[in-house]
Protein backbone atom coordinates (compact mmCIF):
# COMPACT_ATOMS: atom_id res chain seq x y z
CA MET A 1 0.00 0.00 0.00
CA VAL A 2 3.00 2.20 0.56
CA LEU A 3 4.25 2.51 -2.96
CA ALA A 4 0.78 3.53 -4.03
CA LEU A 5 2.14 6.98 -3.35
CA LEU A 6 4.50 6.41 -6.24
CA LEU A 7 1.71 4.87 -8.34
CA PRO A 8 -1.41 6.82 -7.26
CA ASN A 9 -4.92 5.69 -8.06
CA SER A 10 -5.79 8.00 -10.90
CA SER A 11 -6.96 7.66 -14.45
CA SER A 12 -3.82 9.38 -15.68
CA ILE A 13 -1.60 6.35 -15.08
CA LEU A 14 -0.74 3.80 -17.69
CA PRO A 15 -3.45 4.55 -20.25
CA TRP A 16 -1.93 1.97 -22.57
CA MET A 17 -2.88 -0.77 -20.11
CA MET A 18 -6.49 -0.65 -21.23
CA SER A 19 -5.71 -3.12 -23.98
CA THR A 20 -6.31 -6.68 -22.84
CA ASN A 21 -5.41 -9.98 -24.38
CA PRO A 22 -8.13 -11.39 -26.69
CA ALA A 23 -8.53 -14.67 -24.83
CA ALA A 24 -9.23 -12.94 -21.55
CA THR A 25 -11.61 -10.50 -23.22
CA THR A 26 -13.57 -13.37 -24.74
CA ILE A 27 -13.97 -15.01 -21.35
CA LYS A 28 -15.24 -11.81 -19.79
CA ALA A 29 -17.52 -10.89 -22.67
CA SER A 30 -20.00 -13.60 -21.82
CA ALA A 31 -20.13 -12.52 -18.20
CA LEU A 32 -20.65 -8.91 -19.21
CA ALA A 33 -23.33 -9.85 -21.72
CA GLN A 34 -25.14 -11.94 -19.17
CA ARG A 35 -24.88 -9.18 -16.63
CA ALA A 36 -26.15 -6.62 -19.14
CA GLY A 37 -29.24 -8.78 -19.68
CA LEU A 38 -29.97 -8.99 -15.99
CA HIS A 39 -33.12 -7.09 -15.13
CA MET A 40 -33.33 -5.77 -11.59
CA LYS A 41 -36.78 -4.80 -10.38
CA ARG A 42 -37.54 -1.14 -9.80
CA CYS A 43 -39.58 -0.78 -6.65
CA ALA A 44 -40.68 2.05 -4.43
CA SER A 45 -38.65 3.09 -1.42
CA ASN A 46 -38.37 6.42 0.34
CA GLY A 47 -35.50 5.48 2.66
CA ARG A 48 -32.25 7.40 2.29
CA LEU A 49 -30.01 4.35 2.65
CA LEU A 50 -32.22 1.76 1.01
CA SER A 51 -32.59 4.04 -1.98
CA GLN A 52 -28.82 3.85 -2.43
CA SER A 53 -28.73 0.05 -2.33
CA LEU A 54 -29.41 -2.68 -4.84
CA CYS A 55 -32.12 -5.07 -3.70
CA VAL A 56 -33.82 -8.20 -4.95
CA ASN A 57 -37.34 -9.10 -3.91
CA PRO A 58 -37.69 -12.77 -4.90
CA PHE A 59 -41.49 -12.83 -4.69
CA ASP A 60 -42.56 -9.42 -5.94
CA ASP A 61 -44.45 -10.11 -9.16
CA THR A 62 -46.13 -6.72 -9.32
CA ASP A 63 -43.71 -5.45 -11.95
CA ASN A 64 -44.93 -6.50 -15.38
CA ASN A 65 -41.57 -5.82 -17.00
CA THR A 66 -39.45 -8.34 -15.12
CA THR A 67 -38.96 -10.75 -18.01
CA THR A 68 -36.29 -10.00 -20.59
CA ASN A 69 -36.37 -11.23 -24.17
CA ASN A 70 -34.51 -10.68 -27.40
CA ASP A 71 -36.93 -7.98 -28.57
CA ASN A 72 -36.36 -5.64 -25.65
CA SER A 73 -32.82 -6.59 -24.59
CA GLU A 74 -31.40 -3.23 -25.63
CA THR A 75 -34.08 -1.36 -23.68
CA ASN A 76 -33.52 -3.54 -20.65
CA HIS A 77 -29.76 -3.01 -20.86
CA ASN A 78 -30.25 0.76 -20.79
CA ASN A 79 -32.72 0.47 -17.94
CA ASN A 80 -30.34 -1.76 -16.02
CA LYS A 81 -27.47 0.67 -16.41
CA GLN A 82 -29.67 3.54 -15.24
CA GLN A 83 -30.90 1.49 -12.27
CA GLN A 84 -27.37 0.56 -11.27
CA GLU A 85 -26.30 4.19 -11.38
CA GLN A 86 -29.31 5.49 -9.44
CA GLY A 87 -29.71 2.47 -7.14
CA ALA A 88 -32.56 0.02 -7.60
CA THR A 89 -34.76 -0.50 -4.56
CA THR A 90 -37.46 -2.90 -3.51
CA THR A 91 -40.65 -2.89 -1.52
CA LEU A 92 -41.12 -5.13 1.50
CA GLN A 93 -44.80 -5.82 0.86
CA ASN A 94 -44.35 -9.25 -0.69
CA ALA A 95 -40.78 -9.89 0.42
CA PRO A 96 -39.80 -13.08 2.25
CA SER A 97 -39.34 -12.78 5.99
CA ASP A 98 -35.52 -12.86 5.99
CA VAL A 99 -33.14 -10.28 4.57
CA HIS A 100 -29.53 -10.84 3.54
CA LEU A 101 -27.75 -7.50 3.86
CA ILE A 102 -24.39 -7.43 2.06
CA VAL A 103 -22.27 -4.37 2.84
CA LEU A 104 -19.39 -3.40 0.55
CA ILE A 105 -16.61 -1.17 1.91
CA HIS A 106 -14.14 0.57 -0.39
CA GLY A 107 -10.51 1.25 0.41
CA TRP A 108 -8.00 4.08 0.56
CA LEU A 109 -8.73 6.90 -1.91
CA GLY A 110 -11.67 4.85 -3.18
CA ASN A 111 -15.34 5.64 -3.61
CA PRO A 112 -18.67 3.77 -3.43
CA LYS A 113 -18.31 2.64 -7.06
CA GLU A 114 -15.03 0.86 -6.34
CA MET A 115 -16.71 -2.47 -5.64
CA ASP A 116 -19.39 -2.26 -8.31
CA GLY A 117 -17.81 -5.30 -9.96
CA LEU A 118 -18.72 -7.41 -6.94
CA LYS A 119 -22.05 -5.63 -6.49
CA GLU A 120 -23.14 -6.45 -10.03
CA SER A 121 -21.98 -10.05 -9.62
CA LEU A 122 -24.00 -10.37 -6.41
CA MET A 123 -27.13 -9.06 -8.08
CA GLU A 124 -26.62 -11.36 -11.05
CA GLN A 125 -26.23 -14.41 -8.81
CA SER A 126 -29.27 -13.32 -6.79
CA GLN A 127 -31.34 -13.20 -9.94
CA ILE A 128 -30.06 -16.61 -11.05
CA GLN A 129 -30.98 -18.10 -7.68
CA LEU A 130 -34.38 -16.44 -7.81
CA ASP A 131 -35.08 -17.84 -11.27
CA LYS A 132 -34.14 -21.33 -10.11
CA GLU A 133 -36.40 -21.09 -7.07
CA LYS A 134 -39.33 -19.90 -9.14
CA GLU A 135 -38.75 -22.68 -11.65
CA ASN A 136 -38.66 -25.27 -8.87
CA ALA A 137 -41.82 -23.81 -7.39
CA ASP A 138 -43.56 -23.98 -10.75
CA ASN A 139 -42.46 -27.58 -11.23
CA LYS A 140 -43.91 -28.47 -7.86
CA LYS A 141 -47.09 -26.57 -8.75
CA LYS A 142 -46.66 -24.30 -5.76
CA SER A 143 -47.11 -20.59 -5.65
CA SER A 144 -43.76 -18.82 -5.42
CA SER A 145 -45.11 -16.75 -2.56
CA SER A 146 -45.49 -19.90 -0.46
CA SER A 147 -41.77 -20.43 -0.31
CA SER A 148 -40.18 -19.19 2.90
CA SER A 149 -36.62 -20.43 2.44
CA SER A 150 -35.45 -17.48 0.38
CA SER A 151 -33.94 -14.26 1.61
CA ARG A 152 -34.29 -10.89 0.03
CA VAL A 153 -30.82 -9.68 -0.91
CA VAL A 154 -29.84 -6.10 -0.20
CA VAL A 155 -26.43 -4.98 -1.46
CA HIS A 156 -25.20 -1.69 -0.05
CA SER A 157 -21.98 0.21 -0.82
CA VAL A 158 -21.00 2.43 2.10
CA ARG A 159 -20.74 6.13 1.32
CA CYS A 160 -19.59 7.53 4.64
CA ASN A 161 -15.86 7.29 3.82
CA ASP A 162 -16.01 8.81 0.36
CA GLY A 163 -13.21 11.38 0.38
CA LYS A 164 -12.44 10.62 4.04
CA THR A 165 -9.91 7.80 4.01
CA SER A 166 -6.96 9.71 5.50
CA ASP A 167 -8.12 10.17 9.10
CA GLY A 168 -7.33 6.68 10.32
CA ILE A 169 -8.80 3.21 10.73
CA VAL A 170 -10.69 4.08 13.90
CA ALA A 171 -12.47 7.12 12.46
CA GLY A 172 -13.33 5.31 9.23
CA GLY A 173 -14.45 2.19 11.08
CA LYS A 174 -16.75 4.19 13.34
CA ARG A 175 -18.40 5.82 10.34
CA VAL A 176 -18.90 2.44 8.68
CA ALA A 177 -20.47 1.02 11.86
CA ALA A 178 -22.85 3.98 12.11
CA GLU A 179 -23.95 3.55 8.49
CA ILE A 180 -24.44 -0.20 8.92
CA ASN A 181 -26.46 0.36 12.10
CA GLU A 182 -28.63 2.90 10.29
CA MET A 183 -29.13 0.49 7.41
CA ILE A 184 -30.07 -2.37 9.75
CA GLN A 185 -32.51 -0.21 11.67
CA GLU A 186 -34.14 0.99 8.47
CA ILE A 187 -34.63 -2.61 7.31
CA ARG A 188 -36.06 -3.51 10.72
CA ASP A 189 -38.42 -0.55 10.70
CA ARG A 190 -39.73 -1.44 7.26
CA SER A 191 -40.07 -5.12 8.14
CA THR A 192 -41.89 -4.30 11.37
CA SER A 193 -44.20 -1.92 9.55
CA THR A 194 -45.01 -4.58 6.97
CA THR A 195 -45.52 -7.23 9.64
CA ASN A 196 -47.94 -5.00 11.55
CA VAL A 197 -49.96 -4.39 8.38
CA ASN A 198 -50.27 -8.12 7.80
CA ASP A 199 -50.96 -9.05 11.43
CA ASP A 200 -54.37 -10.47 10.60
CA ASN A 201 -52.85 -12.90 8.13
CA ASN A 202 -50.09 -14.34 10.30
CA ASN A 203 -49.21 -15.18 13.85
CA ASN A 204 -46.08 -13.01 13.94
CA ASN A 205 -43.97 -16.08 14.49
CA ASN A 206 -41.16 -14.71 12.38
CA ASN A 207 -41.08 -11.36 14.23
CA GLY A 208 -40.45 -9.55 10.98
CA GLY A 209 -37.75 -11.94 9.85
CA ASN A 210 -34.04 -12.10 10.57
CA ILE A 211 -31.23 -10.13 8.99
CA ARG A 212 -28.12 -11.94 7.84
CA LEU A 213 -25.18 -9.57 7.65
CA SER A 214 -22.31 -10.14 5.24
CA ILE A 215 -19.44 -7.68 4.88
CA ALA A 216 -16.90 -7.43 2.08
CA GLY A 217 -14.09 -4.92 2.51
CA ASN A 218 -11.53 -4.12 -0.15
CA SER A 219 -8.00 -3.17 0.89
CA LEU A 220 -8.27 -0.62 3.72
CA GLY A 221 -12.01 -1.32 3.67
CA GLY A 222 -11.32 -4.71 5.23
CA LEU A 223 -9.71 -3.02 8.24
CA TYR A 224 -12.60 -0.57 8.43
CA GLY A 225 -14.91 -3.57 8.51
CA ARG A 226 -12.98 -5.34 11.25
CA TYR A 227 -13.12 -2.24 13.42
CA ALA A 228 -16.79 -1.61 12.65
CA LEU A 229 -17.73 -5.03 14.07
CA SER A 230 -16.99 -3.69 17.55
CA GLU A 231 -19.62 -0.95 17.21
CA ILE A 232 -22.37 -2.69 15.27
CA ASP A 233 -25.52 -3.12 17.35
CA TRP A 234 -25.84 -6.91 17.57
CA THR A 235 -28.59 -6.82 20.20
CA THR A 236 -32.22 -7.75 19.66
CA LYS A 237 -34.51 -5.23 21.28
CA ASP A 238 -37.89 -3.62 20.81
CA THR A 239 -37.26 0.02 19.92
CA ASN A 240 -41.01 0.72 20.05
CA ASN A 241 -40.95 0.69 23.86
CA ASN A 242 -40.97 4.17 25.39
CA ASP A 243 -40.57 5.31 28.97
CA GLY A 244 -43.90 6.09 30.60
CA ASP A 245 -46.72 4.91 32.79
CA ASP A 246 -47.18 1.12 32.89
CA ASP A 247 -50.94 1.69 32.72
CA ASP A 248 -50.64 3.53 29.42
CA PRO A 249 -52.68 1.43 26.90
CA GLN A 250 -50.49 2.60 24.05
CA GLN A 251 -47.35 1.42 25.84
CA GLN A 252 -48.98 -1.91 26.71
CA GLN A 253 -49.82 -2.40 23.06
CA GLN A 254 -46.23 -1.56 22.10
CA GLU A 255 -44.86 -4.02 24.64
CA GLN A 256 -46.95 -6.75 23.00
CA ALA A 257 -45.43 -5.98 19.61
CA PRO A 258 -43.10 -8.59 18.13
CA ALA A 259 -39.44 -8.36 19.10
CA GLN A 260 -36.92 -7.11 16.62
CA SER A 261 -35.40 -9.47 14.13
CA GLN A 262 -32.11 -11.12 14.96
CA LEU A 263 -28.92 -9.90 13.34
CA ILE A 264 -26.97 -12.96 12.20
CA PRO A 265 -23.30 -12.56 11.22
CA HIS A 266 -22.87 -14.52 7.99
CA TYR A 267 -19.85 -13.85 5.72
CA PHE A 268 -16.90 -11.57 6.43
CA VAL A 269 -14.70 -11.16 3.36
CA THR A 270 -11.57 -9.12 2.78
CA THR A 271 -9.91 -8.60 -0.59
CA ALA A 272 -6.26 -7.54 -0.61
CA THR A 273 -6.52 -6.15 2.92
CA PRO A 274 -3.29 -5.32 4.82
CA HIS A 275 -4.08 -7.32 7.94
CA LEU A 276 -0.46 -7.08 9.08
CA GLY A 277 -0.27 -3.42 8.15
CA CYS A 278 2.51 -1.97 6.03
CA GLY A 279 5.11 -1.44 8.73
CA PHE A 280 8.01 -3.66 9.68
CA GLN A 281 8.83 -4.51 6.07
CA GLN A 282 5.33 -5.50 4.95
CA THR A 283 5.69 -3.42 1.79
CA TYR A 284 6.21 -4.61 -1.78
CA LEU A 285 9.88 -3.72 -1.51
CA PRO A 286 11.02 -4.05 2.13
CA LEU A 287 11.94 -0.66 3.54
CA PRO A 288 14.06 0.22 6.57
CA ARG A 289 12.12 1.50 9.54
CA PHE A 290 13.56 5.01 9.29
CA ILE A 291 11.95 5.36 5.84
CA GLU A 292 8.63 3.88 6.95
CA HIS A 293 8.15 6.70 9.47
CA PRO A 294 8.10 9.62 7.00
CA LEU A 295 6.04 7.59 4.51
CA GLY A 296 3.45 6.88 7.16
CA ASN A 297 3.30 10.53 8.18
CA ILE A 298 2.79 11.59 4.55
CA MET A 299 -0.35 9.43 4.47
CA LEU A 300 -1.61 11.19 7.63
CA ARG A 301 -3.34 9.17 10.36
CA THR A 302 -4.22 6.30 8.04
CA GLY A 303 -0.57 5.92 7.07
CA GLN A 304 0.49 6.10 10.70
CA ASP A 305 -1.94 3.29 11.50
CA LEU A 306 -0.82 1.14 8.57
CA PHE A 307 2.89 1.63 9.29
CA ARG A 308 2.22 1.02 12.99
CA LEU A 309 3.92 4.19 14.16
CA PHE A 310 2.07 4.00 17.49
CA SER A 311 2.37 1.45 20.28
CA GLY A 312 0.07 -0.25 22.76
CA LYS A 313 -3.66 0.31 22.30
CA ASP A 314 -2.95 3.09 19.82
CA ASP A 315 -1.47 0.49 17.45
CA ILE A 316 -4.84 -0.40 15.96
CA ILE A 317 -3.42 -3.18 13.76
CA GLN A 318 -2.16 -4.91 16.89
CA GLU A 319 -5.20 -4.04 19.00
CA MET A 320 -7.65 -5.58 16.52
CA ALA A 321 -5.61 -8.80 16.50
CA PHE A 322 -5.58 -9.28 20.28
CA SER A 323 -8.53 -7.48 21.85
CA PRO A 324 -11.71 -9.55 22.41
CA THR A 325 -13.63 -6.38 21.55
CA PHE A 326 -12.71 -6.97 17.91
CA LEU A 327 -12.07 -10.72 17.85
CA ASN A 328 -15.32 -11.90 19.44
CA PRO A 329 -17.72 -10.42 16.85
CA LEU A 330 -15.42 -11.53 14.03
CA ARG A 331 -15.39 -15.06 15.46
CA LYS A 332 -19.19 -15.23 15.35
CA PHE A 333 -19.38 -14.99 11.57
CA HIS A 334 -20.39 -18.15 9.77
CA LYS A 335 -17.35 -17.80 7.52
CA ARG A 336 -14.30 -15.56 7.27
CA MET A 337 -12.54 -15.25 3.92
CA ALA A 338 -9.37 -13.47 2.80
CA TYR A 339 -8.58 -13.02 -0.89
CA ALA A 340 -4.90 -12.33 -1.58
CA ASN A 341 -2.82 -11.79 -4.72
CA ALA A 342 0.07 -14.22 -5.15
CA HIS A 343 3.34 -14.14 -7.11
CA GLY A 344 4.20 -10.49 -6.65
CA THR A 345 1.23 -9.03 -8.52
CA ASP A 346 0.01 -6.67 -5.78
CA LEU A 347 1.96 -3.45 -5.29
CA GLN A 348 -0.17 -1.95 -2.53
CA VAL A 349 -0.78 -5.03 -0.36
CA PRO A 350 1.68 -7.90 -0.89
CA LEU A 351 0.68 -11.49 -0.20
CA PRO A 352 2.05 -11.81 3.39
CA SER A 353 -0.09 -8.95 4.70
CA ALA A 354 -3.23 -9.83 2.69
CA ALA A 355 -3.13 -13.50 3.78
CA PHE A 356 -1.56 -12.59 7.17
CA TRP A 357 1.26 -15.02 6.65
CA ALA A 358 4.51 -15.03 8.54
CA PRO A 359 7.22 -17.71 8.54
CA THR A 360 5.41 -19.82 11.14
CA ASP A 361 4.16 -23.39 11.47
CA SER A 362 0.50 -22.33 11.25
CA VAL A 363 -1.24 -25.18 9.39
CA HIS A 364 -3.33 -24.50 6.27
CA THR A 365 -5.37 -27.27 4.63
CA VAL A 366 -6.09 -27.33 0.90
CA VAL A 367 -9.77 -27.17 -0.08
CA GLU A 368 -10.55 -29.72 -2.78
CA HIS A 369 -13.27 -28.82 -5.27
CA ASP A 370 -15.41 -31.80 -6.21
CA ALA A 371 -15.80 -32.68 -9.87
CA GLU A 372 -19.39 -31.45 -9.97
CA HIS A 373 -18.44 -27.90 -9.06
CA ALA A 374 -14.87 -27.71 -10.36
CA PHE A 375 -15.97 -25.93 -13.53
CA ILE A 376 -17.04 -22.81 -11.63
CA VAL A 377 -13.50 -22.10 -10.37
CA PRO A 378 -12.06 -19.37 -12.61
CA ARG A 379 -8.53 -19.47 -13.91
CA GLY A 380 -7.40 -16.70 -11.56
CA VAL A 381 -8.11 -18.76 -8.42
CA ALA A 382 -4.83 -20.56 -7.76
CA LEU A 383 -5.47 -22.26 -4.42
CA THR A 384 -7.98 -22.24 -1.58
CA LEU A 385 -6.93 -23.09 1.97
CA THR A 386 -8.46 -23.12 5.42
CA THR A 387 -7.14 -22.72 8.94
CA PRO A 388 -8.84 -24.59 11.80
CA LYS A 389 -11.10 -22.57 14.05
CA GLN A 390 -10.18 -22.83 17.69
CA GLU A 391 -12.69 -22.41 20.47
CA GLU A 392 -12.64 -19.06 22.20
CA GLU A 393 -11.32 -20.44 25.48
CA GLU A 394 -8.62 -22.46 23.74
CA SER A 395 -7.61 -19.50 21.60
CA ASN A 396 -7.34 -17.16 24.56
CA SER A 397 -5.22 -19.67 26.45
CA ILE A 398 -2.67 -19.78 23.62
CA ILE A 399 -2.18 -16.08 22.99
CA THR A 400 -3.89 -13.57 25.26
CA GLU A 401 -1.61 -10.64 24.54
CA PRO A 402 1.58 -9.92 22.61
CA LYS A 403 4.80 -10.94 24.30
CA GLN A 404 6.18 -7.44 23.91
CA VAL A 405 4.96 -3.88 23.53
CA VAL A 406 5.03 -4.15 19.75
CA ALA A 407 3.56 -7.43 18.51
CA THR A 408 5.46 -9.17 15.75
CA SER A 409 3.92 -10.18 12.45
CA GLU A 410 4.23 -13.80 13.57
CA GLU A 411 2.12 -13.15 16.67
CA ILE A 412 -0.56 -11.25 14.76
CA SER A 413 -0.64 -13.93 12.06
CA LYS A 414 -1.12 -16.77 14.53
CA ARG A 415 -3.75 -14.88 16.47
CA LEU A 416 -5.89 -14.20 13.41
CA ASP A 417 -5.47 -17.75 12.08
CA GLN A 418 -7.01 -19.10 15.29
CA LEU A 419 -10.37 -17.65 14.25
CA GLY A 420 -10.56 -20.05 11.32
CA TRP A 421 -10.27 -18.54 7.85
CA THR A 422 -10.70 -19.54 4.24
CA LYS A 423 -7.87 -17.99 2.22
CA VAL A 424 -8.17 -17.73 -1.55
CA LEU A 425 -4.96 -17.16 -3.49
CA ILE A 426 -5.41 -15.21 -6.71
CA ASP A 427 -2.96 -15.41 -9.62
CA VAL A 428 -3.58 -12.79 -12.31
CA ARG A 429 -0.13 -12.87 -13.90
CA HIS A 430 -1.69 -13.95 -17.19
CA GLU A 431 -3.60 -10.65 -17.22
CA MET A 432 -0.61 -8.38 -16.61
CA PRO A 433 0.44 -6.16 -19.57
CA ILE A 434 4.08 -6.74 -18.61
CA ASN A 435 4.83 -10.20 -17.28
CA LEU A 436 8.25 -11.77 -17.28
CA ASN A 437 6.83 -14.74 -15.39
CA THR A 438 5.05 -15.87 -18.55
CA ALA A 439 8.30 -16.41 -20.41
CA VAL A 440 9.79 -18.28 -17.48
CA ASP A 441 6.70 -20.45 -17.10
CA ASN A 442 6.62 -21.23 -20.82
CA GLU A 443 10.27 -22.15 -20.81
CA SER A 444 9.72 -24.37 -17.81
CA ALA A 445 6.74 -26.01 -19.46
CA SER A 446 8.71 -26.59 -22.65
CA THR A 447 11.57 -28.16 -20.73
CA SER A 448 9.27 -30.40 -18.75
CA SER A 449 7.61 -31.65 -21.92
CA THR A 450 10.90 -33.25 -22.97
CA SER A 451 11.26 -35.04 -19.67
CA SER A 452 10.12 -38.55 -19.11
CA THR A 453 6.41 -39.13 -18.60
CA SER A 454 7.01 -40.97 -15.36
CA SER A 455 8.95 -38.06 -13.85
CA THR A 456 6.16 -35.62 -14.71
CA GLU A 457 3.51 -37.89 -13.27
CA ASP A 458 5.53 -38.34 -10.09
CA ALA A 459 5.89 -34.58 -9.70
CA ASN A 460 2.17 -33.98 -10.25
CA GLU A 461 1.25 -36.74 -7.85
CA GLN A 462 3.56 -35.31 -5.21
CA LYS A 463 2.01 -31.86 -5.62
CA GLN A 464 -1.53 -33.25 -5.43
CA GLN A 465 -0.68 -35.11 -2.26
CA LYS A 466 0.36 -31.85 -0.59
CA GLN A 467 -2.85 -31.32 1.34
CA GLN A 468 -1.39 -29.35 4.22
CA TRP A 469 1.00 -26.44 4.19
CA THR A 470 2.58 -24.33 6.88
CA ALA A 471 2.50 -20.57 6.50
CA LYS A 472 6.26 -20.64 6.02
CA GLU A 473 5.98 -23.13 3.14
CA LEU A 474 3.22 -21.11 1.51
CA LEU A 475 5.33 -17.97 1.58
CA GLU A 476 8.22 -19.81 -0.05
CA GLN A 477 5.92 -21.17 -2.76
CA PHE A 478 3.66 -18.21 -3.55
CA ASP A 479 5.40 -15.04 -2.38
CA THR A 480 7.59 -14.94 -5.46
CA GLY A 481 7.91 -13.04 -8.71
CA ARG A 482 8.16 -9.50 -7.40
CA LEU A 483 9.36 -7.04 -10.05
CA LYS A 484 8.69 -9.66 -12.75
CA SER A 485 5.29 -8.28 -13.74
CA LEU A 486 3.43 -5.00 -13.63
CA PRO A 487 1.89 -5.31 -10.14
CA ILE A 488 -1.66 -4.06 -10.76
CA GLY A 489 -3.37 -7.11 -9.25
CA HIS A 490 -4.63 -4.97 -6.37
CA MET A 491 -7.13 -3.30 -8.68
CA VAL A 492 -7.69 -6.17 -11.13
CA MET A 493 -8.69 -8.81 -8.57
CA VAL A 494 -11.79 -6.90 -7.41
CA ALA A 495 -12.70 -5.58 -10.87
CA ASN A 496 -12.21 -2.09 -9.47
CA SER A 497 -14.83 0.24 -10.95
CA LYS A 498 -14.11 3.54 -9.20
CA ASN A 499 -14.11 5.25 -12.62
CA GLU A 500 -14.43 4.28 -16.28
CA PHE A 501 -10.68 3.88 -16.74
CA TYR A 502 -10.44 1.45 -13.86
CA ARG A 503 -13.59 -0.36 -14.94
CA ASN A 504 -12.12 -1.07 -18.36
CA MET A 505 -8.65 -1.92 -17.09
CA CYS A 506 -9.89 -4.27 -14.37
CA LYS A 507 -12.39 -6.34 -16.37
CA PRO A 508 -10.20 -9.46 -15.95
CA GLY A 509 -11.30 -9.51 -12.32
CA ILE A 510 -14.97 -10.05 -13.17
CA PRO A 511 -14.80 -13.89 -13.17
CA ILE A 512 -13.13 -13.75 -9.74
CA MET A 513 -15.87 -11.52 -8.35
CA ASP A 514 -18.50 -13.77 -9.96
CA TYR A 515 -16.88 -16.68 -8.13
CA LEU A 516 -17.01 -14.86 -4.79
CA ALA A 517 -20.57 -13.66 -5.36
CA ARG A 518 -21.72 -17.18 -6.24
CA GLU A 519 -20.46 -18.50 -2.91
CA ILE A 520 -21.99 -15.71 -0.84
CA ILE A 521 -25.41 -15.92 -2.50
CA ASN A 522 -25.57 -19.72 -2.63
CA SER A 523 -24.51 -20.04 1.01
CA ILE A 524 -28.09 -19.56 2.18
């Protein structure tokens, strides 16, 4: 993230990089075409936050223009683009009881459009899932409105940090938490209002439905998200209750109202997030400490946080790795995922910090994809690994606090691994405009083709049998290739869409975001 000062995020850099290789463009074209044909329903909503979010109401059939066909595909495409820019919303009248709120958090010098690549993928996968559910309901000759297993998907890109990413992780995290709390309360208010209207038709058993919360933070946004967890209102309470006389009939009626919906932590995802910070040689090119200090100060409080120029509780990178205030809510998520760029393709956040790897014996197990689902893994996904989740008591007994005033990368790495993570290694070297690795790989492949068949098979078999790796072994295998390619993987992996230049340059990341979106949406 440091050398981003030397390669700032602006449309003036590297304009010649907009040209992509034909093969990659062909792969992405189908995804873009499919996405362009996706019709998102336009529904009424007066809420300030909901009106800025993209929503899917699986059972709202009131819109007569929800079906796309060849005759009106161009019109639908234009409508879709306009809806994505303005923010499509949905009504809760016919929505299922549960809501899946997915919050996207942009990074340093970013904006709410930065993660539009993932947002569009999420909406596309939501529509695909909706179509399948309706088809299954039709096949079973059941009304789609009778299904209660679906969740309405609400995708929201935070806006509170737009133009405000220099005042530190704490300040940014607090703003994110406040916006998420406001979003949650607005969903609850609308659900409660709808439930009250339909009281005569149900027994209020679902109490307005539950809210599943998923968070995806890109780069610095991942650290904002981790901090925000400590200030999100996880409690279930009835906000209709007011102080007053117990004999007040109005208050008695309010006390009999259904309790608020539960807030269920679901997925917490980071993409190229500097979990270890940038200090203590966590930069693309290791820097001496006396250079890290002025660089951190140039980036104001955010840089000071990332380079860990403070100590004790003021070292927020360390504090979030050891304090139960931050670890406990993160531990409660159904799944924690970290996407990281391998082979030296990420200038801003190198692999060790994104995957929080240090040369330790922390065990990572390879995730095998079964044959039925192997086809959905895009080329850019090199390897998926998991770390075992330890129980809270066991975890606290191993490492309760750093051994010294300034925690080492090894200590932070081990502490985070104990929560249980899925780490996805991304290799986008084949998409880099300048890539010396390609020539090396081709030469290696050519040489191996002349070797004996038995030797090749033995090597492949040995690699396939490698089901467990230590963090040290993973660093030796995947933290390679620096300065051998143009390291723009930080933007490409997430299909960064902060402006038109980035959107065009980062199209190769669309299949990766489709892959992530598919898992998040299909997880319910």
